[in-house]
Every structure is written in structure tokens, then in C-alpha cells.
């Protein structure tokens, strides 16, 4: 009887660990994305999982987020991408009941301004790139060329 009670208590224990939260998110939410986005969804969670390995979803606080994002301060686009991914993971944790509603620790972290582009390519340059992609080093048309159009 005690063993059965202990099993009931431990059932689901640790499912709010960030590692398991990420796995659940990849299985439930990421599969709804387009294939290319799904491929991108694999990279950032790996880094997040390593940084928050021993954290439970309910234990992540804004200072923890700020410390994690500090690694990306010199890369504004990466900073914003990781912030966005963590925001989505914490939203998912709220949805699963691992965090209190409205307690997303990422909401209080500001996004970084991304620098504007210094140059836009012309239509002529884009056309030359597309033509260049259609031909390999041997001067023959490549099968991947039409895919780029």
C-alpha cells in the first residue's frame, strides 16, 4: 500500500523540469509549425535546456532570464530570438499548470533594438544571385537551382 502511494506521489514528478517541458513543447506545439520552422525550433531549446538544466518551470524568475540573455547582448537578433523562445516555453508551462497564470518571467525583460540594414540589394543584384545559384562550378544547371526561385 505504501509503495502504491509513493508511486502515485512520484507519478508526474519532474515533468515540470525545463528539459521535459521542452520535450513536451516540441511534441505538442512545434509540430504545428511549418517544416522549416520546426528545424529552427530544435536549435534554441538545446541551448536553453543546457542553461536551465536543474530548473523547474515554476522556479524560473526574471533575474534568471536576464542572466541567461546576457550571453547574447552583443547579438541583438539572437537575444530577441532566445527571449521569444523562452517566452513561448513559459507560456506553455502556464498552459500545462506548471506556473501560475500571468507569471511569465520573460514579460518584464525588454527586447533589444536591432540595427537597421545599411544596404539593400538591388533587383539586378538579386537576379544575378538567382542565376548564379542555378549553375554549378562546372557550368551545368544544378537540380537545386529551380528550388531557389
Protein backbone atom coordinates (compact mmCIF):
# COMPACT_ATOMS: atom_id res chain seq x y z
CA UNK A 1 0.00 0.00 0.00
CA UNK A 2 2.80 2.40 0.90
CA UNK A 3 4.58 1.57 -2.35
CA UNK A 4 1.44 2.33 -4.37
CA UNK A 5 1.00 5.62 -2.52
CA UNK A 6 4.64 6.55 -3.17
CA UNK A 7 4.21 5.70 -6.84
CA UNK A 8 1.16 7.96 -7.02
CA UNK A 9 3.07 10.79 -5.37
CA UNK A 10 6.05 10.48 -7.70
CA UNK A 11 3.95 9.99 -10.83
CA UNK A 12 4.49 13.09 -12.93
CA UNK A 13 7.21 14.34 -10.58
CA UNK A 14 9.82 16.21 -12.52
CA UNK A 15 7.55 16.76 -15.51
CA UNK A 16 7.90 20.49 -14.90
CA UNK A 17 11.69 20.34 -15.33
CA UNK A 18 12.71 22.61 -18.19
CA UNK A 19 14.19 19.64 -20.06
CA UNK A 20 10.87 17.77 -20.00
CA UNK A 21 8.90 20.95 -20.67
CA UNK A 22 10.94 21.49 -23.83
CA UNK A 23 10.38 17.89 -24.93
CA UNK A 24 6.64 18.27 -24.40
CA UNK A 25 6.61 21.60 -26.26
CA UNK A 26 8.47 20.08 -29.21
CA UNK A 27 6.00 17.19 -29.29
CA UNK A 28 2.81 19.28 -28.93
CA UNK A 29 3.41 22.82 -30.14
CA UNK A 30 6.37 22.68 -32.51
CA UNK A 31 4.78 20.04 -34.73
CA UNK A 32 2.13 22.61 -35.70
CA UNK A 33 4.82 24.78 -37.27
CA UNK A 34 5.95 24.55 -40.86
CA UNK A 35 8.88 22.15 -41.53
CA UNK A 36 11.49 24.88 -41.80
CA UNK A 37 10.36 26.45 -38.53
CA UNK A 38 10.43 23.02 -36.89
CA UNK A 39 14.07 22.69 -37.90
CA UNK A 40 14.79 26.09 -36.32
CA UNK A 41 12.85 25.05 -33.22
CA UNK A 42 15.44 22.37 -32.46
CA UNK A 43 18.46 24.65 -32.03
CA UNK A 44 17.37 27.20 -29.41
CA UNK A 45 15.74 24.75 -27.00
CA UNK A 46 19.00 22.79 -26.86
CA UNK A 47 20.85 25.87 -25.56
CA UNK A 48 18.02 26.73 -23.18
CA UNK A 49 17.94 23.16 -21.85
CA UNK A 50 21.66 23.28 -21.05
CA UNK A 51 21.37 26.65 -19.30
CA UNK A 52 18.30 25.71 -17.23
CA UNK A 53 19.11 22.03 -16.69
CA UNK A 54 18.21 21.88 -12.99
CA UNK A 55 15.35 24.39 -13.09
CA UNK A 56 11.68 23.64 -12.76
CA UNK A 57 9.31 25.82 -14.77
CA UNK A 58 7.90 27.42 -11.61
CA UNK A 59 11.39 28.37 -10.39
CA UNK A 60 12.44 30.50 -13.38
CA UNK A 61 12.45 34.17 -12.40
CA UNK A 62 13.21 37.39 -14.31
CA UNK A 63 16.77 37.65 -12.88
CA UNK A 64 17.47 34.13 -14.17
CA UNK A 65 16.20 35.14 -17.58
CA UNK A 66 18.26 38.33 -17.58
CA UNK A 67 21.39 36.38 -16.66
CA UNK A 68 20.76 33.85 -19.45
CA UNK A 69 20.10 36.55 -22.05
CA UNK A 70 23.22 38.46 -21.02
CA UNK A 71 25.18 35.92 -23.10
CA UNK A 72 23.53 37.32 -26.23
CA UNK A 73 23.79 41.07 -25.57
CA UNK A 74 26.26 41.56 -28.41
CA UNK A 75 23.88 39.78 -30.83
CA UNK A 76 20.51 41.61 -30.75
CA UNK A 77 18.72 39.26 -33.15
CA UNK A 78 19.83 36.16 -31.22
CA UNK A 79 18.93 37.87 -27.94
CA UNK A 80 15.41 38.57 -29.18
CA UNK A 81 15.05 35.07 -30.63
CA UNK A 82 16.04 33.40 -27.34
CA UNK A 83 13.81 35.79 -25.41
CA UNK A 84 10.93 34.88 -27.69
CA UNK A 85 11.56 31.14 -27.32
CA UNK A 86 11.72 31.39 -23.52
CA UNK A 87 8.54 33.47 -23.53
CA UNK A 88 6.79 30.73 -25.52
CA UNK A 89 8.12 27.98 -23.24
CA UNK A 90 6.96 29.81 -20.12
CA UNK A 91 3.55 30.41 -21.74
CA UNK A 92 3.38 26.68 -22.44
CA UNK A 93 4.30 25.98 -18.80
CA UNK A 94 1.40 28.20 -17.70
CA UNK A 95 -0.89 26.32 -20.06
CA UNK A 96 0.21 22.99 -18.53
CA UNK A 97 -0.29 24.29 -15.00
CA UNK A 98 3.40 24.39 -14.04
CA UNK A 99 3.30 28.17 -13.48
CA UNK A 100 0.65 30.50 -12.15
CA UNK A 101 -1.33 32.26 -14.92
CA UNK A 102 0.18 35.63 -15.78
CA UNK A 103 3.52 34.81 -14.15
CA UNK A 104 5.65 34.66 -17.29
CA UNK A 105 9.11 35.86 -16.16
CA UNK A 106 10.05 36.95 -19.65
CA UNK A 107 7.38 39.64 -19.85
CA UNK A 108 9.46 42.03 -17.74
CA UNK A 109 12.58 41.57 -19.90
CA UNK A 110 12.88 44.15 -22.66
CA UNK A 111 13.70 43.26 -26.23
CA UNK A 112 16.83 44.66 -27.82
CA UNK A 113 16.76 47.07 -30.72
CA UNK A 114 18.17 45.52 -33.84
CA UNK A 115 20.38 47.69 -36.00
CA UNK A 116 18.83 48.83 -39.28
CA UNK A 117 20.21 47.48 -42.52
CA UNK A 118 22.99 49.51 -44.01
CA UNK A 119 22.30 48.44 -47.56
CA UNK A 120 19.52 46.87 -49.58
CA UNK A 121 20.40 44.80 -52.62
CA UNK A 122 19.04 45.95 -55.95
CA UNK A 123 16.73 43.92 -58.16
CA UNK A 124 19.59 43.45 -60.59
CA UNK A 125 21.85 42.01 -57.85
CA UNK A 126 19.10 39.65 -56.69
CA UNK A 127 18.55 38.46 -60.26
CA UNK A 128 22.28 37.74 -60.66
CA UNK A 129 22.31 35.77 -57.39
CA UNK A 130 19.37 33.65 -58.55
CA UNK A 131 21.02 32.93 -61.90
CA UNK A 132 24.31 32.11 -60.17
CA UNK A 133 22.58 29.58 -57.91
CA UNK A 134 21.16 27.74 -60.93
CA UNK A 135 24.62 26.79 -62.20
CA UNK A 136 27.31 24.72 -60.50
CA UNK A 137 31.08 25.18 -60.64
CA UNK A 138 31.13 23.02 -63.76
CA UNK A 139 28.85 25.48 -65.61
CA UNK A 140 25.97 23.00 -65.78
CA UNK A 141 22.49 23.64 -64.39
CA UNK A 142 22.04 22.30 -60.87
CA UNK A 143 18.90 20.43 -59.76
CA UNK A 144 18.60 22.72 -56.70
CA UNK A 145 18.56 25.87 -58.83
CA UNK A 146 14.83 25.95 -59.59
CA UNK A 147 14.03 25.43 -55.90
CA UNK A 148 15.57 28.81 -55.04
CA UNK A 149 13.12 30.63 -57.28
